[in-house]
């Protein structure tokens, strides 16, 4: 069977629960145009980095029970972004699938390696403790876990060096965007599932 990858790849997801209300839309063949508002300024900033360096358009709106803490909103942001990207990728025929990227930010250097083969796994080696603005930085790991599961991706996230918490976190999200840009790109005319098994997962 021959597969073709739709080069007008879009995905939209709405998630409503008692804890959060989120809506995300992505256009993979975009220009990195971003409109994000979640109620957590640092999370907005990180989502913007992923989209801009990933080269896709992103609209992301929502709110959560921040009076409790940021955990639910940050985790659900990962769920919704992952599902939107997965929907846009469709059957994933013709994509590069594997990619890696490094991103520096001043003294911080991060590496992200991804496999979009529908096998969720996260190796997260990011030494973050304490607040970044109003956000407890430890909760960012929940975003990455949710993203990996709902995107269907193996992700290895490593901080090679760094001291400043903001720089460390931002370097990882920039590297994620760069890696996704390459992994989601269509190669070879967009035909064929990128797996020796003939299927993903």
N, C-alpha and C. Protein backbone atom coordinates (compact mmCIF):
# COMPACT_ATOMS: atom_id res chain seq x y z
N UNK A 1 0.85 -1.20 0.00
CA UNK A 1 0.00 0.00 0.00
C UNK A 1 0.87 1.24 0.00
N UNK A 2 0.50 2.22 -0.79
CA UNK A 2 1.22 3.49 -0.85
C UNK A 2 0.54 4.50 0.06
N UNK A 3 1.35 5.28 0.74
CA UNK A 3 0.83 6.30 1.65
C UNK A 3 1.32 7.66 1.18
N UNK A 4 0.49 8.65 1.39
CA UNK A 4 0.89 10.02 1.10
C UNK A 4 0.70 10.87 2.34
N UNK A 5 1.59 11.80 2.54
CA UNK A 5 1.49 12.70 3.69
C UNK A 5 0.87 14.02 3.24
N UNK A 6 -0.22 14.38 3.86
CA UNK A 6 -0.92 15.60 3.49
C UNK A 6 -0.06 16.82 3.82
N UNK A 7 0.26 17.61 2.82
CA UNK A 7 1.10 18.77 3.06
C UNK A 7 0.30 19.99 3.48
N UNK A 8 -0.94 19.79 3.82
CA UNK A 8 -1.73 20.82 4.48
C UNK A 8 -2.12 20.25 5.85
N UNK A 9 -1.11 19.96 6.65
CA UNK A 9 -1.31 19.21 7.89
C UNK A 9 -1.73 20.14 9.03
N UNK A 10 -2.94 19.94 9.51
CA UNK A 10 -3.48 20.77 10.58
C UNK A 10 -4.09 19.88 11.65
N UNK A 11 -4.12 20.39 12.86
CA UNK A 11 -4.74 19.67 13.96
C UNK A 11 -5.32 20.63 14.97
N UNK A 12 -6.52 20.33 15.45
CA UNK A 12 -7.15 21.16 16.47
C UNK A 12 -7.73 20.26 17.55
N UNK A 13 -7.51 20.62 18.79
CA UNK A 13 -7.95 19.82 19.94
C UNK A 13 -8.59 20.74 20.97
N UNK A 14 -9.70 20.30 21.53
CA UNK A 14 -10.34 20.98 22.66
C UNK A 14 -10.39 20.00 23.83
N UNK A 15 -9.96 20.45 24.98
CA UNK A 15 -9.99 19.62 26.18
C UNK A 15 -10.62 20.42 27.31
N UNK A 16 -11.68 19.88 27.87
CA UNK A 16 -12.36 20.54 28.99
C UNK A 16 -12.52 19.55 30.13
N UNK A 17 -12.08 19.94 31.30
CA UNK A 17 -12.26 19.13 32.50
C UNK A 17 -12.62 20.05 33.66
N UNK A 18 -12.78 19.49 34.83
CA UNK A 18 -13.05 20.31 36.01
C UNK A 18 -11.83 21.11 36.43
N UNK A 19 -10.67 20.75 35.86
CA UNK A 19 -9.42 21.41 36.25
C UNK A 19 -8.93 22.42 35.22
N UNK A 20 -9.12 22.10 33.94
CA UNK A 20 -8.61 22.99 32.88
C UNK A 20 -9.57 23.04 31.71
N UNK A 21 -9.46 24.12 30.94
CA UNK A 21 -10.18 24.27 29.68
C UNK A 21 -9.17 24.78 28.66
N UNK A 22 -8.83 23.94 27.69
CA UNK A 22 -7.77 24.28 26.75
C UNK A 22 -8.18 23.98 25.32
N UNK A 23 -7.69 24.81 24.40
CA UNK A 23 -7.92 24.61 22.98
C UNK A 23 -6.62 24.94 22.24
N UNK A 24 -6.21 24.02 21.37
CA UNK A 24 -4.97 24.23 20.62
C UNK A 24 -5.20 23.93 19.16
N UNK A 25 -4.58 24.72 18.29
CA UNK A 25 -4.60 24.48 16.86
C UNK A 25 -3.20 24.62 16.29
N UNK A 26 -2.81 23.68 15.43
CA UNK A 26 -1.49 23.75 14.81
C UNK A 26 -1.62 23.62 13.29
N UNK A 27 -0.74 24.30 12.58
CA UNK A 27 -0.59 24.17 11.13
C UNK A 27 0.88 23.89 10.88
N UNK A 28 1.19 22.64 10.51
CA UNK A 28 2.59 22.26 10.40
C UNK A 28 3.31 22.98 9.27
N UNK A 29 2.61 23.20 8.16
CA UNK A 29 3.21 23.97 7.06
C UNK A 29 2.92 25.44 7.29
N UNK A 30 3.33 25.94 8.43
CA UNK A 30 3.09 27.33 8.80
C UNK A 30 4.37 28.14 8.75
N UNK A 31 4.34 29.25 9.43
CA UNK A 31 5.48 30.16 9.46
C UNK A 31 5.93 30.48 10.88
N UNK A 32 5.52 29.68 11.83
CA UNK A 32 5.87 29.93 13.21
C UNK A 32 5.06 31.06 13.82
N UNK A 33 3.85 31.30 13.30
CA UNK A 33 2.98 32.33 13.87
C UNK A 33 2.33 31.79 15.13
N UNK A 34 2.38 32.58 16.21
CA UNK A 34 1.99 32.06 17.52
C UNK A 34 1.07 33.03 18.24
N UNK A 35 -0.01 32.48 18.80
CA UNK A 35 -0.87 33.22 19.73
C UNK A 35 -1.17 32.28 20.89
N UNK A 36 -0.61 32.60 22.04
CA UNK A 36 -0.72 31.70 23.19
C UNK A 36 -1.15 32.48 24.42
N UNK A 37 -2.10 31.93 25.15
CA UNK A 37 -2.52 32.53 26.42
C UNK A 37 -3.11 31.44 27.31
N UNK A 38 -2.37 31.09 28.37
CA UNK A 38 -2.82 30.04 29.29
C UNK A 38 -3.05 30.53 30.71
N UNK A 39 -2.60 31.74 31.00
CA UNK A 39 -2.64 32.23 32.37
C UNK A 39 -1.34 32.03 33.11
N UNK A 40 -0.41 31.29 32.49
CA UNK A 40 0.94 31.11 33.04
C UNK A 40 1.93 31.70 32.04
N UNK A 41 2.47 32.85 32.36
CA UNK A 41 3.30 33.58 31.40
C UNK A 41 4.51 32.78 30.96
N UNK A 42 5.14 32.06 31.87
CA UNK A 42 6.34 31.31 31.49
C UNK A 42 5.99 30.15 30.57
N UNK A 43 4.87 29.49 30.83
CA UNK A 43 4.43 28.41 29.95
C UNK A 43 4.11 28.97 28.56
N UNK A 44 3.46 30.12 28.51
CA UNK A 44 3.20 30.78 27.22
C UNK A 44 4.50 31.00 26.47
N UNK A 45 5.50 31.48 27.17
CA UNK A 45 6.81 31.76 26.58
C UNK A 45 7.44 30.49 26.04
N UNK A 46 7.34 29.38 26.77
CA UNK A 46 7.94 28.13 26.33
C UNK A 46 7.19 27.55 25.12
N UNK A 47 5.87 27.60 25.13
CA UNK A 47 5.10 27.11 23.98
C UNK A 47 5.44 27.92 22.72
N UNK A 48 5.64 29.21 22.92
CA UNK A 48 6.03 30.06 21.78
C UNK A 48 7.37 29.63 21.21
N UNK A 49 8.32 29.27 22.07
CA UNK A 49 9.63 28.82 21.59
C UNK A 49 9.50 27.55 20.75
N UNK A 50 8.69 26.60 21.23
CA UNK A 50 8.52 25.35 20.50
C UNK A 50 7.97 25.61 19.10
N UNK A 51 6.93 26.42 19.02
CA UNK A 51 6.30 26.67 17.72
C UNK A 51 7.21 27.46 16.79
N UNK A 52 7.83 28.51 17.30
CA UNK A 52 8.67 29.35 16.44
C UNK A 52 9.86 28.57 15.89
N UNK A 53 10.53 27.80 16.75
CA UNK A 53 11.68 27.04 16.28
C UNK A 53 11.25 25.76 15.56
N UNK A 54 10.01 25.31 15.84
CA UNK A 54 9.48 24.18 15.12
C UNK A 54 8.94 24.54 13.75
N UNK A 55 8.76 25.84 13.49
CA UNK A 55 8.31 26.29 12.19
C UNK A 55 6.84 26.05 11.92
N UNK A 56 6.05 25.81 12.96
CA UNK A 56 4.62 25.61 12.75
C UNK A 56 3.82 26.71 13.42
N UNK A 57 2.61 26.94 12.89
CA UNK A 57 1.71 27.92 13.48
C UNK A 57 1.02 27.28 14.69
N UNK A 58 0.84 28.09 15.73
CA UNK A 58 0.20 27.59 16.95
C UNK A 58 -0.74 28.63 17.52
N UNK A 59 -1.96 28.22 17.75
CA UNK A 59 -2.89 29.00 18.58
C UNK A 59 -3.21 28.14 19.79
N UNK A 60 -3.12 28.74 20.95
CA UNK A 60 -3.28 27.97 22.20
C UNK A 60 -3.95 28.88 23.21
N UNK A 61 -5.14 28.50 23.63
CA UNK A 61 -5.91 29.31 24.56
C UNK A 61 -6.42 28.44 25.69
N UNK A 62 -6.54 29.02 26.87
CA UNK A 62 -7.15 28.25 27.94
C UNK A 62 -6.89 28.82 29.31
N UNK A 63 -7.33 28.05 30.29
CA UNK A 63 -7.19 28.44 31.69
C UNK A 63 -7.24 27.19 32.54
N UNK A 64 -6.80 27.34 33.78
CA UNK A 64 -6.81 26.20 34.68
C UNK A 64 -6.97 26.64 36.12
N UNK A 65 -6.98 25.66 37.01
CA UNK A 65 -7.21 25.92 38.43
C UNK A 65 -5.90 26.35 39.12
N UNK A 66 -5.42 27.51 38.72
CA UNK A 66 -4.15 28.00 39.26
C UNK A 66 -4.25 28.36 40.73
N UNK A 67 -5.48 28.47 41.25
CA UNK A 67 -5.62 28.70 42.68
C UNK A 67 -5.19 27.47 43.48
N UNK A 68 -5.17 26.30 42.82
CA UNK A 68 -4.65 25.08 43.46
C UNK A 68 -3.14 25.08 43.33
N UNK A 69 -2.67 24.94 42.10
CA UNK A 69 -1.27 25.16 41.73
C UNK A 69 -1.19 25.02 40.21
N UNK A 70 0.00 25.01 39.67
CA UNK A 70 0.15 25.02 38.21
C UNK A 70 0.17 23.63 37.59
N UNK A 71 0.18 22.58 38.40
CA UNK A 71 0.40 21.21 37.91
C UNK A 71 -0.60 20.82 36.83
N UNK A 72 -1.89 20.99 37.09
CA UNK A 72 -2.91 20.53 36.14
C UNK A 72 -2.79 21.25 34.80
N UNK A 73 -2.60 22.54 34.85
CA UNK A 73 -2.53 23.32 33.61
C UNK A 73 -1.29 22.95 32.80
N UNK A 74 -0.15 22.80 33.45
CA UNK A 74 1.09 22.48 32.74
C UNK A 74 1.00 21.09 32.12
N UNK A 75 0.52 20.12 32.89
CA UNK A 75 0.37 18.76 32.35
C UNK A 75 -0.62 18.72 31.19
N UNK A 76 -1.76 19.37 31.36
CA UNK A 76 -2.78 19.34 30.31
C UNK A 76 -2.33 20.10 29.07
N UNK A 77 -1.48 21.11 29.23
CA UNK A 77 -0.91 21.78 28.06
C UNK A 77 -0.10 20.80 27.23
N UNK A 78 0.64 19.92 27.89
CA UNK A 78 1.39 18.89 27.18
C UNK A 78 0.48 17.91 26.47
N UNK A 79 -0.63 17.54 27.13
CA UNK A 79 -1.60 16.64 26.51
C UNK A 79 -2.17 17.25 25.24
N UNK A 80 -2.63 18.48 25.34
CA UNK A 80 -3.32 19.13 24.23
C UNK A 80 -2.36 19.41 23.07
N UNK A 81 -1.16 19.90 23.36
CA UNK A 81 -0.20 20.13 22.28
C UNK A 81 0.16 18.81 21.61
N UNK A 82 0.39 17.77 22.41
CA UNK A 82 0.73 16.47 21.83
C UNK A 82 -0.36 15.94 20.94
N UNK A 83 -1.61 16.04 21.39
CA UNK A 83 -2.73 15.54 20.58
C UNK A 83 -2.92 16.35 19.30
N UNK A 84 -2.74 17.66 19.39
CA UNK A 84 -2.88 18.50 18.20
C UNK A 84 -1.81 18.18 17.17
N UNK A 85 -0.57 18.02 17.62
CA UNK A 85 0.51 17.68 16.69
C UNK A 85 0.30 16.29 16.10
N UNK A 86 -0.13 15.34 16.93
CA UNK A 86 -0.37 13.98 16.43
C UNK A 86 -1.47 13.98 15.38
N UNK A 87 -2.53 14.72 15.63
CA UNK A 87 -3.62 14.80 14.65
C UNK A 87 -3.13 15.41 13.35
N UNK A 88 -2.31 16.44 13.43
CA UNK A 88 -1.78 17.08 12.23
C UNK A 88 -0.85 16.14 11.45
N UNK A 89 -0.13 15.28 12.15
CA UNK A 89 0.79 14.36 11.49
C UNK A 89 0.06 13.23 10.77
N UNK A 90 -1.18 12.97 11.16
CA UNK A 90 -1.95 11.93 10.49
C UNK A 90 -1.30 10.57 10.60
N UNK A 91 -1.16 9.85 9.46
CA UNK A 91 -0.55 8.52 9.49
C UNK A 91 0.98 8.58 9.53
N UNK A 92 1.53 9.78 9.48
CA UNK A 92 2.98 10.02 9.59
C UNK A 92 3.76 9.48 8.41
N UNK A 93 3.08 9.18 7.33
CA UNK A 93 3.77 8.69 6.15
C UNK A 93 4.73 9.75 5.60
N UNK A 94 5.93 9.31 5.29
CA UNK A 94 6.90 10.18 4.64
C UNK A 94 7.66 11.13 5.54
N UNK A 95 7.36 11.14 6.85
CA UNK A 95 8.08 12.07 7.73
C UNK A 95 9.50 11.56 7.99
N UNK A 96 10.38 12.46 8.40
CA UNK A 96 11.74 12.09 8.72
C UNK A 96 11.78 11.16 9.94
N UNK A 97 10.91 11.39 10.89
CA UNK A 97 10.68 10.59 12.09
C UNK A 97 11.72 10.83 13.17
N UNK A 98 12.99 10.62 12.90
CA UNK A 98 14.06 10.77 13.89
C UNK A 98 14.74 12.11 13.73
N UNK A 99 15.05 12.76 14.85
CA UNK A 99 15.81 14.02 14.77
C UNK A 99 16.41 14.34 16.13
N UNK A 100 17.45 15.14 16.08
CA UNK A 100 18.07 15.63 17.32
C UNK A 100 18.47 17.08 17.10
N UNK A 101 18.52 17.82 18.20
CA UNK A 101 18.91 19.23 18.11
C UNK A 101 19.54 19.69 19.41
N UNK A 102 20.49 20.59 19.28
CA UNK A 102 21.10 21.27 20.42
C UNK A 102 20.64 22.73 20.39
N UNK A 103 20.48 23.29 21.58
CA UNK A 103 20.18 24.72 21.66
C UNK A 103 20.90 25.31 22.86
N UNK A 104 21.67 26.37 22.66
CA UNK A 104 22.29 27.08 23.78
C UNK A 104 21.47 28.30 24.15
N UNK A 105 21.57 28.69 25.39
CA UNK A 105 21.09 29.99 25.82
C UNK A 105 22.06 30.48 26.89
N UNK A 106 22.94 31.38 26.48
CA UNK A 106 24.01 31.85 27.34
C UNK A 106 24.80 30.65 27.88
N UNK A 107 24.85 30.47 29.20
CA UNK A 107 25.67 29.39 29.79
C UNK A 107 25.03 28.02 29.68
N UNK A 108 23.73 27.97 29.34
CA UNK A 108 23.00 26.70 29.29
C UNK A 108 23.07 26.08 27.89
N UNK A 109 23.17 24.75 27.87
CA UNK A 109 23.17 24.01 26.62
C UNK A 109 22.31 22.76 26.80
N UNK A 110 21.33 22.59 25.91
CA UNK A 110 20.41 21.46 26.00
C UNK A 110 20.38 20.68 24.69
N UNK A 111 20.06 19.39 24.83
CA UNK A 111 19.91 18.52 23.65
C UNK A 111 18.59 17.78 23.77
N UNK A 112 17.86 17.72 22.67
CA UNK A 112 16.62 16.94 22.61
C UNK A 112 16.70 16.02 21.39
N UNK A 113 16.42 14.73 21.63
CA UNK A 113 16.39 13.73 20.58
C UNK A 113 14.98 13.15 20.54
N UNK A 114 14.37 13.08 19.35
CA UNK A 114 13.00 12.61 19.24
C UNK A 114 12.87 11.51 18.20
N UNK A 115 11.90 10.64 18.44
CA UNK A 115 11.47 9.62 17.49
C UNK A 115 9.95 9.66 17.48
N UNK A 116 9.37 10.03 16.35
CA UNK A 116 7.92 10.15 16.23
C UNK A 116 7.29 8.84 15.77
N UNK A 117 7.80 7.72 16.27
CA UNK A 117 7.37 6.40 15.85
C UNK A 117 6.20 5.82 16.61
N UNK A 118 5.46 6.66 17.35
CA UNK A 118 4.29 6.24 18.13
C UNK A 118 4.64 5.29 19.28
N UNK A 119 5.86 5.43 19.80
CA UNK A 119 6.27 4.66 20.98
C UNK A 119 6.63 5.67 22.07
N UNK A 120 5.69 6.00 22.94
CA UNK A 120 5.94 7.02 23.96
C UNK A 120 6.99 6.57 24.98
N UNK A 121 7.97 7.42 25.19
CA UNK A 121 8.97 7.18 26.23
C UNK A 121 9.67 8.51 26.48
N UNK A 122 9.91 8.82 27.76
CA UNK A 122 10.61 10.05 28.09
C UNK A 122 11.79 9.76 28.99
N UNK A 123 12.96 10.20 28.56
CA UNK A 123 14.14 10.24 29.41
C UNK A 123 14.45 11.72 29.66
N UNK A 124 14.24 12.15 30.89
CA UNK A 124 14.28 13.58 31.22
C UNK A 124 15.40 13.83 32.23
N UNK A 125 16.46 14.42 31.76
CA UNK A 125 17.64 14.67 32.59
C UNK A 125 17.89 16.17 32.65
N UNK A 126 17.01 16.84 33.40
CA UNK A 126 17.01 18.30 33.48
C UNK A 126 17.05 18.71 34.96
N UNK A 127 18.17 19.24 35.42
CA UNK A 127 18.33 19.55 36.85
C UNK A 127 17.66 20.87 37.25
N UNK A 128 16.32 20.86 37.27
CA UNK A 128 15.59 22.07 37.62
C UNK A 128 14.92 21.92 38.97
N UNK A 129 15.18 22.87 39.85
CA UNK A 129 14.52 22.95 41.15
C UNK A 129 14.31 24.43 41.47
N UNK A 130 13.17 24.74 42.09
CA UNK A 130 12.90 26.12 42.45
C UNK A 130 12.02 26.82 41.43
N UNK A 131 11.72 28.07 41.70
CA UNK A 131 10.77 28.81 40.89
C UNK A 131 11.43 29.51 39.70
N UNK A 132 10.64 29.57 38.62
CA UNK A 132 10.96 30.44 37.49
C UNK A 132 9.78 31.40 37.41
N UNK A 133 9.96 32.61 37.86
CA UNK A 133 8.83 33.51 38.02
C UNK A 133 7.90 32.95 39.08
N UNK A 134 6.64 32.69 38.72
CA UNK A 134 5.68 32.13 39.66
C UNK A 134 5.55 30.61 39.51
N UNK A 135 6.29 30.03 38.57
CA UNK A 135 6.14 28.61 38.26
C UNK A 135 7.17 27.77 39.00
N UNK A 136 6.69 26.70 39.65
CA UNK A 136 7.61 25.72 40.22
C UNK A 136 8.21 24.92 39.06
N UNK A 137 9.52 25.04 38.89
CA UNK A 137 10.15 24.50 37.69
C UNK A 137 10.05 22.97 37.61
N UNK A 138 9.90 22.28 38.75
CA UNK A 138 9.82 20.83 38.73
C UNK A 138 8.61 20.34 37.93
N UNK A 139 7.55 21.15 37.87
CA UNK A 139 6.32 20.72 37.21
C UNK A 139 6.48 20.66 35.69
N UNK A 140 7.53 21.27 35.15
CA UNK A 140 7.74 21.20 33.70
C UNK A 140 7.94 19.77 33.22
N UNK A 141 8.46 18.90 34.07
CA UNK A 141 8.61 17.49 33.68
C UNK A 141 7.25 16.88 33.33
N UNK A 142 6.19 17.32 33.99
CA UNK A 142 4.86 16.79 33.70
C UNK A 142 4.41 17.17 32.29
N UNK A 143 4.80 18.36 31.84
CA UNK A 143 4.53 18.76 30.45
C UNK A 143 5.19 17.79 29.48
N UNK A 144 6.47 17.51 29.71
CA UNK A 144 7.21 16.64 28.80
C UNK A 144 6.65 15.22 28.80
N UNK A 145 6.27 14.71 29.97
CA UNK A 145 5.67 13.37 30.04
C UNK A 145 4.39 13.31 29.22
N UNK A 146 3.52 14.29 29.43
CA UNK A 146 2.24 14.31 28.73
C UNK A 146 2.44 14.48 27.23
N UNK A 147 3.38 15.33 26.84
CA UNK A 147 3.66 15.54 25.42
C UNK A 147 4.14 14.24 24.77
N UNK A 148 5.05 13.55 25.42
CA UNK A 148 5.58 12.31 24.88
C UNK A 148 4.48 11.29 24.66
N UNK A 149 3.61 11.13 25.64
CA UNK A 149 2.53 10.14 25.56
C UNK A 149 1.54 10.48 24.46
N UNK A 150 1.09 11.73 24.44
CA UNK A 150 -0.01 12.10 23.54
C UNK A 150 0.45 12.45 22.13
N UNK A 151 1.72 12.74 21.96
CA UNK A 151 2.29 12.88 20.62
C UNK A 151 2.68 11.51 20.06
N UNK A 152 2.94 10.56 20.96
CA UNK A 152 3.42 9.27 20.52
C UNK A 152 4.87 9.38 20.10
N UNK A 153 5.71 9.82 21.05
CA UNK A 153 7.11 10.10 20.72
C UNK A 153 8.03 9.62 21.83
N UNK A 154 9.14 9.07 21.43
CA UNK A 154 10.26 8.87 22.34
C UNK A 154 11.04 10.17 22.39
N UNK A 155 11.33 10.63 23.61
CA UNK A 155 12.07 11.88 23.77
C UNK A 155 13.16 11.71 24.82
N UNK A 156 14.36 12.10 24.44
CA UNK A 156 15.48 12.17 25.39
C UNK A 156 15.84 13.65 25.52
N UNK A 157 15.70 14.15 26.74
CA UNK A 157 15.94 15.57 27.02
C UNK A 157 17.10 15.66 28.00
N UNK A 158 18.18 16.26 27.56
CA UNK A 158 19.38 16.33 28.39
C UNK A 158 19.91 17.75 28.46
N UNK A 159 20.20 18.20 29.67
CA UNK A 159 20.90 19.47 29.85
C UNK A 159 22.38 19.15 30.03
N UNK A 160 23.18 19.63 29.14
CA UNK A 160 24.61 19.36 29.16
C UNK A 160 25.31 20.24 30.18
N UNK A 161 24.87 21.49 30.25
CA UNK A 161 25.39 22.39 31.28
C UNK A 161 24.42 23.55 31.46
N UNK A 162 24.54 24.24 32.56
CA UNK A 162 23.69 25.40 32.80
C UNK A 162 23.55 25.69 34.28
N UNK A 163 23.30 26.95 34.61
CA UNK A 163 23.11 27.37 36.01
C UNK A 163 21.79 28.10 36.20
N UNK A 164 21.47 29.00 35.29
CA UNK A 164 20.26 29.80 35.41
C UNK A 164 19.03 28.97 35.04
N UNK A 165 18.02 28.91 35.93
CA UNK A 165 16.85 28.06 35.70
C UNK A 165 16.10 28.45 34.44
N UNK A 166 15.92 29.74 34.22
CA UNK A 166 15.22 30.21 33.02
C UNK A 166 15.97 29.77 31.77
N UNK A 167 17.28 29.96 31.77
CA UNK A 167 18.08 29.59 30.60
C UNK A 167 18.02 28.09 30.34
N UNK A 168 18.10 27.29 31.39
CA UNK A 168 18.06 25.83 31.24
C UNK A 168 16.73 25.40 30.62
N UNK A 169 15.62 25.87 31.19
CA UNK A 169 14.31 25.48 30.69
C UNK A 169 14.12 25.93 29.25
N UNK A 170 14.46 27.17 28.97
CA UNK A 170 14.23 27.70 27.62
C UNK A 170 15.08 26.98 26.58
N UNK A 171 16.30 26.62 26.94
CA UNK A 171 17.15 25.88 26.01
C UNK A 171 16.52 24.54 25.63
N UNK A 172 15.88 23.86 26.60
CA UNK A 172 15.26 22.57 26.29
C UNK A 172 14.08 22.76 25.34
N UNK A 173 13.27 23.79 25.54
CA UNK A 173 12.11 23.99 24.68
C UNK A 173 12.52 24.45 23.28
N UNK A 174 13.57 25.24 23.17
CA UNK A 174 14.07 25.62 21.85
C UNK A 174 14.60 24.39 21.11
N UNK A 175 15.34 23.55 21.83
CA UNK A 175 15.86 22.33 21.21
C UNK A 175 14.71 21.42 20.78
N UNK A 176 13.65 21.37 21.57
CA UNK A 176 12.47 20.58 21.19
C UNK A 176 11.90 21.09 19.87
N UNK A 177 11.72 22.39 19.75
CA UNK A 177 11.20 22.95 18.51
C UNK A 177 12.06 22.60 17.31
N UNK A 178 13.37 22.75 17.46
CA UNK A 178 14.28 22.45 16.36
C UNK A 178 14.23 20.98 15.98
N UNK A 179 14.16 20.10 16.97
CA UNK A 179 14.09 18.66 16.69
C UNK A 179 12.77 18.30 16.02
N UNK A 180 11.67 18.88 16.50
CA UNK A 180 10.37 18.59 15.88
C UNK A 180 10.31 19.07 14.44
N UNK A 181 10.90 20.22 14.17
CA UNK A 181 10.91 20.74 12.79
C UNK A 181 11.49 19.70 11.84
N UNK A 182 12.61 19.10 12.24
CA UNK A 182 13.26 18.11 11.38
C UNK A 182 12.48 16.80 11.35
N UNK A 183 12.03 16.33 12.53
CA UNK A 183 11.36 15.03 12.59
C UNK A 183 10.02 15.03 11.87
N UNK A 184 9.32 16.16 11.88
CA UNK A 184 8.00 16.23 11.24
C UNK A 184 8.07 16.53 9.75
N UNK A 185 9.25 16.90 9.27
CA UNK A 185 9.40 17.25 7.86
C UNK A 185 9.14 16.04 6.97
N UNK A 186 8.55 16.29 5.80
CA UNK A 186 8.24 15.23 4.85
C UNK A 186 9.42 15.04 3.91
N UNK A 187 9.82 13.78 3.75
CA UNK A 187 10.96 13.44 2.89
C UNK A 187 10.51 12.49 1.80
N UNK A 188 11.22 12.46 0.72
CA UNK A 188 10.99 11.47 -0.32
C UNK A 188 9.62 11.53 -0.94
N UNK A 189 9.06 12.72 -1.07
CA UNK A 189 7.76 12.85 -1.72
C UNK A 189 6.59 12.50 -0.83
N UNK A 190 6.87 12.16 0.43
CA UNK A 190 5.79 11.91 1.37
C UNK A 190 5.17 10.54 1.27
N UNK A 191 5.87 9.55 0.70
CA UNK A 191 5.29 8.22 0.56
C UNK A 191 6.00 7.23 1.47
N UNK A 192 5.23 6.30 2.01
CA UNK A 192 5.81 5.25 2.82
C UNK A 192 5.85 5.56 4.30
N UNK A 193 5.39 4.61 5.12
CA UNK A 193 5.50 4.76 6.57
C UNK A 193 6.96 4.58 6.95
N UNK A 194 7.54 5.49 7.74
CA UNK A 194 8.97 5.42 8.04
C UNK A 194 9.30 4.37 9.10
N UNK A 195 9.15 3.10 8.73
CA UNK A 195 9.45 2.00 9.64
C UNK A 195 9.78 0.76 8.84
N UNK A 196 10.80 0.01 9.28
CA UNK A 196 11.13 -1.24 8.61
C UNK A 196 10.06 -2.30 8.82
N UNK A 197 9.19 -2.09 9.83
CA UNK A 197 8.09 -3.03 10.09
C UNK A 197 6.91 -2.79 9.16
N UNK A 198 6.88 -1.62 8.53
CA UNK A 198 5.74 -1.28 7.69
C UNK A 198 4.61 -0.61 8.42
N UNK A 199 4.81 -0.39 9.72
CA UNK A 199 3.82 0.33 10.53
C UNK A 199 4.54 0.94 11.71
N UNK A 200 3.87 1.91 12.34
CA UNK A 200 4.44 2.59 13.50
C UNK A 200 3.75 2.12 14.77
N UNK A 201 4.50 2.16 15.86
CA UNK A 201 3.93 1.77 17.14
C UNK A 201 4.51 0.49 17.67
